[in-house]
Amino acid sequence: MTTSTDRKRRSSAEVRQLIAEAAAAEFVANGFERTTIRSVAQRAGVTESMVFRHFESKPELFRATAAAPLVSLMEEYARRLGAEPSQKPWDVTYRFVSGMYDLCSTNRQIVLSLAGTGIGDSVSDGSPLAPCLHALVDGVHRYMEANGNEATNDIRDSVRLTVALVLGASLSADALFPATYSPDDVRTALTRYVLHGAGYTRNDIADPS
């Protein structure tokens, strides 16, 4: 057990890093729902109040640790989306699907850390990813407005279902798709499905390749 003297010798940045590493390990091992601030504090060898000094809540701690790469990808994509209205729907969607699929396929601990919430709950309004989902919805709104388009369905549902679809595929692609499928075949199939579901026509979603 870490002693009080040991803690005093650490800088604030070192303590934050210690907590972050402990949290990431807890989320991967136990999932978001079963991980507690107490379990993170115990693993890090600090008090619960010390955890709250660096992170306001468990969702914030999750976004800053186990889900940090996914959060960064979603926020960056949302930021760029409204600033690039000239890009075709296929290009915009393929970039997001590919980025998330590749990230989560090679870092499956991100998806595993959502265990306990279920894929569906992980994209709900109460999800720790909710701020990222809201940013994506706003980005899609800006993109569509810049192109003079109107949504044919609820954009919030489209975003949630897209994220849930890609998260699930990244974890189970080997079992879901034929062995003859390459990673790009999977990305292309996911992109086409997402765009069909969002109400785009065959011409809108033609694969430029």
C-alpha atoms as a PDB file:
ATOM      1  CA  MET A   1       0.000   0.000   0.000  1.00  0.00           C
ATOM      2  CA  THR A   2       1.280   3.429  -0.904  1.00  0.00           C
ATOM      3  CA  THR A   3       2.054   5.503   2.177  1.00  0.00           C
ATOM      4  CA  SER A   4       1.116   9.101   2.825  1.00  0.00           C
ATOM      5  CA  THR A   5       4.794  10.033   2.659  1.00  0.00           C
ATOM      6  CA  ASP A   6       5.109   8.451  -0.797  1.00  0.00           C
ATOM      7  CA  ARG A   7       2.101  10.397  -2.037  1.00  0.00           C
ATOM      8  CA  LYS A   8       3.515  13.699  -0.799  1.00  0.00           C
ATOM      9  CA  ARG A   9       6.654  13.124  -2.826  1.00  0.00           C
ATOM     10  CA  ARG A  10       4.709  12.832  -6.078  1.00  0.00           C
ATOM     11  CA  SER A  11       3.832  15.805  -8.214  1.00  0.00           C
ATOM     12  CA  SER A  12       0.219  16.470  -9.141  1.00  0.00           C
ATOM     13  CA  ALA A  13       0.935  15.297 -12.688  1.00  0.00           C
ATOM     14  CA  GLU A  14       2.416  12.038 -11.396  1.00  0.00           C
ATOM     15  CA  VAL A  15      -0.609  11.371  -9.198  1.00  0.00           C
ATOM     16  CA  ARG A  16      -2.969  12.096 -12.092  1.00  0.00           C
ATOM     17  CA  GLN A  17      -1.035   9.683 -14.309  1.00  0.00           C
ATOM     18  CA  LEU A  18      -1.111   7.027 -11.587  1.00  0.00           C
ATOM     19  CA  ILE A  19      -4.882   7.397 -11.288  1.00  0.00           C
ATOM     20  CA  ALA A  20      -5.325   7.342 -15.064  1.00  0.00           C
ATOM     21  CA  GLU A  21      -3.343   4.112 -15.419  1.00  0.00           C
ATOM     22  CA  ALA A  22      -5.294   2.488 -12.587  1.00  0.00           C
ATOM     23  CA  ALA A  23      -8.603   3.606 -14.076  1.00  0.00           C
ATOM     24  CA  ALA A  24      -7.756   2.280 -17.524  1.00  0.00           C
ATOM     25  CA  ALA A  25      -6.874  -1.099 -16.035  1.00  0.00           C
ATOM     26  CA  GLU A  26     -10.070  -1.186 -13.963  1.00  0.00           C
ATOM     27  CA  PHE A  27     -12.316  -0.274 -16.892  1.00  0.00           C
ATOM     28  CA  VAL A  28     -10.777  -2.946 -19.120  1.00  0.00           C
ATOM     29  CA  ALA A  29     -10.915  -5.584 -16.385  1.00  0.00           C
ATOM     30  CA  ASN A  30     -14.386  -4.834 -15.036  1.00  0.00           C
ATOM     31  CA  GLY A  31     -16.200  -2.668 -17.575  1.00  0.00           C
ATOM     32  CA  PHE A  32     -17.596   0.804 -17.039  1.00  0.00           C
ATOM     33  CA  GLU A  33     -20.608  -0.171 -14.919  1.00  0.00           C
ATOM     34  CA  ARG A  34     -18.735  -2.383 -12.458  1.00  0.00           C
ATOM     35  CA  THR A  35     -15.776  -0.061 -12.040  1.00  0.00           C
ATOM     36  CA  THR A  36     -16.055   2.315  -9.094  1.00  0.00           C
ATOM     37  CA  ILE A  37     -14.100   5.318  -7.934  1.00  0.00           C
ATOM     38  CA  ARG A  38     -13.215   3.290  -4.855  1.00  0.00           C
ATOM     39  CA  SER A  39     -11.753   0.437  -6.915  1.00  0.00           C
ATOM     40  CA  VAL A  40      -9.730   2.916  -8.976  1.00  0.00           C
ATOM     41  CA  ALA A  41      -8.439   4.612  -5.831  1.00  0.00           C
ATOM     42  CA  GLN A  42      -7.465   1.284  -4.283  1.00  0.00           C
ATOM     43  CA  ARG A  43      -5.616   0.184  -7.398  1.00  0.00           C
ATOM     44  CA  ALA A  44      -3.812   3.528  -7.592  1.00  0.00           C
ATOM     45  CA  GLY A  45      -3.046   3.567  -3.878  1.00  0.00           C
ATOM     46  CA  VAL A  46      -4.714   6.934  -3.322  1.00  0.00           C
ATOM     47  CA  THR A  47      -7.855   8.176  -1.612  1.00  0.00           C
ATOM     48  CA  GLU A  48     -11.200   8.573  -3.372  1.00  0.00           C
ATOM     49  CA  SER A  49     -11.069  12.313  -2.733  1.00  0.00           C
ATOM     50  CA  MET A  50      -7.733  12.410  -4.570  1.00  0.00           C
ATOM     51  CA  VAL A  51      -9.365  10.795  -7.605  1.00  0.00           C
ATOM     52  CA  PHE A  52     -12.135  13.411  -7.551  1.00  0.00           C
ATOM     53  CA  ARG A  53      -9.540  16.149  -7.258  1.00  0.00           C
ATOM     54  CA  HIS A  54      -8.281  15.218 -10.720  1.00  0.00           C
ATOM     55  CA  PHE A  55     -11.477  13.901 -12.352  1.00  0.00           C
ATOM     56  CA  GLU A  56     -14.948  15.253 -11.603  1.00  0.00           C
ATOM     57  CA  SER A  57     -16.844  12.022 -12.268  1.00  0.00           C
ATOM     58  CA  LYS A  58     -16.533   8.417 -13.368  1.00  0.00           C
ATOM     59  CA  PRO A  59     -17.700   9.234 -16.932  1.00  0.00           C
ATOM     60  CA  GLU A  60     -15.034  11.939 -17.210  1.00  0.00           C
ATOM     61  CA  LEU A  61     -12.435   9.505 -15.883  1.00  0.00           C
ATOM     62  CA  PHE A  62     -13.532   6.939 -18.459  1.00  0.00           C
ATOM     63  CA  ARG A  63     -13.344   9.408 -21.343  1.00  0.00           C
ATOM     64  CA  ALA A  64      -9.885  10.524 -20.252  1.00  0.00           C
ATOM     65  CA  THR A  65      -8.461   7.017 -19.872  1.00  0.00           C
ATOM     66  CA  ALA A  66      -9.842   3.794 -21.352  1.00  0.00           C
ATOM     67  CA  ALA A  67     -11.891   5.552 -24.027  1.00  0.00           C
ATOM     68  CA  ALA A  68      -9.478   8.427 -24.680  1.00  0.00           C
ATOM     69  CA  PRO A  69      -8.450   7.351 -28.223  1.00  0.00           C
ATOM     70  CA  LEU A  70     -12.093   6.859 -29.217  1.00  0.00           C
ATOM     71  CA  VAL A  71     -13.121  10.177 -27.669  1.00  0.00           C
ATOM     72  CA  SER A  72     -10.329  11.954 -29.529  1.00  0.00           C
ATOM     73  CA  LEU A  73     -11.357  10.377 -32.846  1.00  0.00           C
ATOM     74  CA  MET A  74     -15.038  11.249 -32.406  1.00  0.00           C
ATOM     75  CA  GLU A  75     -14.398  14.824 -31.313  1.00  0.00           C
ATOM     76  CA  GLU A  76     -11.900  15.505 -34.105  1.00  0.00           C
ATOM     77  CA  TYR A  77     -14.233  14.048 -36.710  1.00  0.00           C
ATOM     78  CA  ALA A  78     -17.144  16.125 -35.396  1.00  0.00           C
ATOM     79  CA  ARG A  79     -15.002  19.267 -35.467  1.00  0.00           C
ATOM     80  CA  ARG A  80     -13.891  18.716 -39.065  1.00  0.00           C
ATOM     81  CA  LEU A  81     -17.267  17.590 -40.369  1.00  0.00           C
ATOM     82  CA  GLY A  82     -18.949  20.964 -40.435  1.00  0.00           C
ATOM     83  CA  ALA A  83     -15.830  22.595 -41.862  1.00  0.00           C
ATOM     84  CA  GLU A  84     -15.707  20.329 -44.932  1.00  0.00           C
ATOM     85  CA  PRO A  85     -19.156  20.642 -46.562  1.00  0.00           C
ATOM     86  CA  SER A  86     -17.804  19.988 -50.061  1.00  0.00           C
ATOM     87  CA  GLN A  87     -16.926  16.373 -49.269  1.00  0.00           C
ATOM     88  CA  LYS A  88     -19.263  13.705 -50.618  1.00  0.00           C
ATOM     89  CA  PRO A  89     -21.442  11.698 -48.200  1.00  0.00           C
ATOM     90  CA  TRP A  90     -19.481   8.548 -49.065  1.00  0.00           C
ATOM     91  CA  ASP A  91     -16.116  10.134 -48.261  1.00  0.00           C
ATOM     92  CA  VAL A  92     -17.351  11.662 -45.013  1.00  0.00           C
ATOM     93  CA  THR A  93     -18.973   8.456 -43.787  1.00  0.00           C
ATOM     94  CA  TYR A  94     -16.184   6.142 -44.931  1.00  0.00           C
ATOM     95  CA  ARG A  95     -13.609   8.232 -43.066  1.00  0.00           C
ATOM     96  CA  PHE A  96     -15.544   7.978 -39.813  1.00  0.00           C
ATOM     97  CA  VAL A  97     -16.426   4.291 -40.144  1.00  0.00           C
ATOM     98  CA  SER A  98     -12.860   3.388 -41.122  1.00  0.00           C
ATOM     99  CA  GLY A  99     -11.308   5.427 -38.340  1.00  0.00           C
ATOM    100  CA  MET A 100     -13.510   3.935 -35.638  1.00  0.00           C
ATOM    101  CA  TYR A 101     -13.369   0.393 -37.016  1.00  0.00           C
ATOM    102  CA  ASP A 102      -9.581   0.390 -37.322  1.00  0.00           C
ATOM    103  CA  LEU A 103      -9.091   1.940 -33.890  1.00  0.00           C
ATOM    104  CA  CYS A 104     -11.406  -0.440 -32.060  1.00  0.00           C
ATOM    105  CA  SER A 105     -10.305  -3.530 -34.017  1.00  0.00           C
ATOM    106  CA  THR A 106      -6.699  -3.024 -32.986  1.00  0.00           C
ATOM    107  CA  ASN A 107      -7.546  -1.739 -29.494  1.00  0.00           C
ATOM    108  CA  ARG A 108     -10.391  -3.999 -28.452  1.00  0.00           C
ATOM    109  CA  GLN A 109      -9.903  -3.054 -24.836  1.00  0.00           C
ATOM    110  CA  ILE A 110     -11.791   0.147 -25.694  1.00  0.00           C
ATOM    111  CA  VAL A 111     -14.892  -1.864 -26.551  1.00  0.00           C
ATOM    112  CA  LEU A 112     -14.331  -4.266 -23.663  1.00  0.00           C
ATOM    113  CA  SER A 113     -14.193  -1.327 -21.257  1.00  0.00           C
ATOM    114  CA  LEU A 114     -17.807  -0.586 -22.210  1.00  0.00           C
ATOM    115  CA  ALA A 115     -18.794  -4.042 -20.968  1.00  0.00           C
ATOM    116  CA  GLY A 116     -21.706  -4.028 -18.578  1.00  0.00           C
ATOM    117  CA  THR A 117     -23.413  -1.147 -20.326  1.00  0.00           C
ATOM    118  CA  GLY A 118     -24.041  -3.153 -23.481  1.00  0.00           C
ATOM    119  CA  ILE A 119     -23.425  -1.756 -26.953  1.00  0.00           C
ATOM    120  CA  GLY A 120     -26.897  -0.187 -26.987  1.00  0.00           C
ATOM    121  CA  ASP A 121     -26.492   1.539 -23.636  1.00  0.00           C
ATOM    122  CA  SER A 122     -23.020   2.729 -24.589  1.00  0.00           C
ATOM    123  CA  VAL A 123     -24.604   5.064 -27.144  1.00  0.00           C
ATOM    124  CA  SER A 124     -27.574   6.222 -25.041  1.00  0.00           C
ATOM    125  CA  ASP A 125     -27.992   9.689 -23.541  1.00  0.00           C
ATOM    126  CA  GLY A 126     -26.797   8.299 -20.212  1.00  0.00           C
ATOM    127  CA  SER A 127     -23.662   6.824 -21.723  1.00  0.00           C
ATOM    128  CA  PRO A 128     -20.196   8.046 -20.710  1.00  0.00           C
ATOM    129  CA  LEU A 129     -19.770   8.703 -24.444  1.00  0.00           C
ATOM    130  CA  ALA A 130     -22.828  10.999 -24.558  1.00  0.00           C
ATOM    131  CA  PRO A 131     -20.831  14.262 -24.963  1.00  0.00           C
ATOM    132  CA  CYS A 132     -19.027  12.780 -27.973  1.00  0.00           C
ATOM    133  CA  LEU A 133     -22.290  11.586 -29.496  1.00  0.00           C
ATOM    134  CA  HIS A 134     -23.810  15.044 -29.068  1.00  0.00           C
ATOM    135  CA  ALA A 135     -20.769  16.561 -30.784  1.00  0.00           C
ATOM    136  CA  LEU A 136     -21.219  14.152 -33.688  1.00  0.00           C
ATOM    137  CA  VAL A 137     -24.906  15.041 -34.000  1.00  0.00           C
ATOM    138  CA  ASP A 138     -24.021  18.737 -34.089  1.00  0.00           C
ATOM    139  CA  GLY A 139     -21.356  18.061 -36.719  1.00  0.00           C
ATOM    140  CA  VAL A 140     -23.795  16.158 -38.929  1.00  0.00           C
ATOM    141  CA  HIS A 141     -26.315  18.998 -38.590  1.00  0.00           C
ATOM    142  CA  ARG A 142     -23.691  21.516 -39.711  1.00  0.00           C
ATOM    143  CA  TYR A 143     -22.631  19.333 -42.635  1.00  0.00           C
ATOM    144  CA  MET A 144     -26.201  18.867 -43.863  1.00  0.00           C
ATOM    145  CA  GLU A 145     -27.099  22.533 -43.467  1.00  0.00           C
ATOM    146  CA  ALA A 146     -23.995  23.554 -45.411  1.00  0.00           C
ATOM    147  CA  ASN A 147     -25.111  21.251 -48.232  1.00  0.00           C
ATOM    148  CA  GLY A 148     -28.734  22.365 -48.146  1.00  0.00           C
ATOM    149  CA  ASN A 149     -29.931  18.895 -47.161  1.00  0.00           C
ATOM    150  CA  GLU A 150     -32.617  17.872 -44.712  1.00  0.00           C
ATOM    151  CA  ALA A 151     -32.516  14.731 -42.622  1.00  0.00           C
ATOM    152  CA  THR A 152     -34.978  11.997 -43.576  1.00  0.00           C
ATOM    153  CA  ASN A 153     -34.912  10.561 -40.058  1.00  0.00           C
ATOM    154  CA  ASP A 154     -33.731  11.397 -36.548  1.00  0.00           C
ATOM    155  CA  ILE A 155     -30.030  12.273 -36.789  1.00  0.00           C
ATOM    156  CA  ARG A 156     -29.521  11.309 -33.152  1.00  0.00           C
ATOM    157  CA  ASP A 157     -30.718   7.784 -33.879  1.00  0.00           C
ATOM    158  CA  SER A 158     -28.556   7.595 -37.003  1.00  0.00           C
ATOM    159  CA  VAL A 159     -25.447   8.601 -35.054  1.00  0.00           C
ATOM    160  CA  ARG A 160     -26.158   6.209 -32.180  1.00  0.00           C
ATOM    161  CA  LEU A 161     -26.842   3.288 -34.496  1.00  0.00           C
ATOM    162  CA  THR A 162     -23.755   4.004 -36.577  1.00  0.00           C
ATOM    163  CA  VAL A 163     -21.500   4.023 -33.528  1.00  0.00           C
ATOM    164  CA  ALA A 164     -23.160   0.887 -32.117  1.00  0.00           C
ATOM    165  CA  LEU A 165     -22.822  -0.892 -35.468  1.00  0.00           C
ATOM    166  CA  VAL A 166     -19.134  -0.126 -35.850  1.00  0.00           C
ATOM    167  CA  LEU A 167     -18.336  -0.945 -32.218  1.00  0.00           C
ATOM    168  CA  GLY A 168     -20.034  -4.317 -32.593  1.00  0.00           C
ATOM    169  CA  ALA A 169     -18.386  -5.086 -35.923  1.00  0.00           C
ATOM    170  CA  SER A 170     -14.940  -4.199 -34.627  1.00  0.00           C
ATOM    171  CA  LEU A 171     -15.332  -6.739 -31.850  1.00  0.00           C
ATOM    172  CA  SER A 172     -16.962  -9.519 -33.878  1.00  0.00           C
ATOM    173  CA  ALA A 173     -15.879  -9.041 -37.499  1.00  0.00           C
ATOM    174  CA  ASP A 174     -14.083 -12.402 -37.623  1.00  0.00           C
ATOM    175  CA  ALA A 175     -17.312 -14.200 -36.748  1.00  0.00           C
ATOM    176  CA  LEU A 176     -19.658 -11.988 -38.766  1.00  0.00           C
ATOM    177  CA  PHE A 177     -17.924 -11.663 -42.131  1.00  0.00           C
ATOM    178  CA  PRO A 178     -16.609 -14.327 -44.553  1.00  0.00           C
ATOM    179  CA  ALA A 179     -12.934 -15.201 -44.299  1.00  0.00           C
ATOM    180  CA  THR A 180     -12.518 -13.882 -47.837  1.00  0.00           C
ATOM    181  CA  TYR A 181     -13.399 -10.346 -46.705  1.00  0.00           C
ATOM    182  CA  SER A 182     -10.492  -7.963 -46.336  1.00  0.00           C
ATOM    183  CA  PRO A 183     -10.598  -5.194 -43.717  1.00  0.00           C
ATOM    184  CA  ASP A 184     -11.475  -2.760 -46.496  1.00  0.00           C
ATOM    185  CA  ASP A 185     -14.362  -4.988 -47.604  1.00  0.00           C
ATOM    186  CA  VAL A 186     -15.729  -4.719 -44.062  1.00  0.00           C
ATOM    187  CA  ARG A 187     -15.262  -0.939 -43.959  1.00  0.00           C
ATOM    188  CA  THR A 188     -16.992  -0.588 -47.325  1.00  0.00           C
ATOM    189  CA  ALA A 189     -19.919  -2.804 -46.299  1.00  0.00           C
ATOM    190  CA  LEU A 190     -20.384  -0.854 -43.070  1.00  0.00           C
ATOM    191  CA  THR A 191     -20.233   2.490 -44.855  1.00  0.00           C
ATOM    192  CA  ARG A 192     -22.782   1.416 -47.463  1.00  0.00           C
ATOM    193  CA  TYR A 193     -25.129   0.112 -44.766  1.00  0.00           C
ATOM    194  CA  VAL A 194     -24.870   3.305 -42.718  1.00  0.00           C
ATOM    195  CA  LEU A 195     -25.648   5.510 -45.705  1.00  0.00           C
ATOM    196  CA  HIS A 196     -28.581   3.352 -46.812  1.00  0.00           C
ATOM    197  CA  GLY A 197     -29.971   3.556 -43.297  1.00  0.00           C
ATOM    198  CA  ALA A 198     -29.575   7.322 -43.268  1.00  0.00           C
ATOM    199  CA  GLY A 199     -31.769   7.580 -46.356  1.00  0.00           C
ATOM    200  CA  TYR A 200     -29.194   8.272 -49.045  1.00  0.00           C
ATOM    201  CA  THR A 201     -29.906   7.017 -52.574  1.00  0.00           C
ATOM    202  CA  ARG A 202     -27.765   4.609 -54.589  1.00  0.00           C
ATOM    203  CA  ASN A 203     -26.224   7.500 -56.538  1.00  0.00           C
ATOM    204  CA  ASP A 204     -25.400   9.373 -53.332  1.00  0.00           C
ATOM    205  CA  ILE A 205     -23.519   6.450 -51.863  1.00  0.00           C
ATOM    206  CA  ALA A 206     -21.703   5.165 -54.922  1.00  0.00           C
ATOM    207  CA  ASP A 207     -18.256   3.972 -53.884  1.00  0.00           C
ATOM    208  CA  PRO A 208     -15.875   6.330 -55.737  1.00  0.00           C
ATOM    209  CA  SER A 209     -13.295   3.568 -56.054  1.00  0.00           C
END
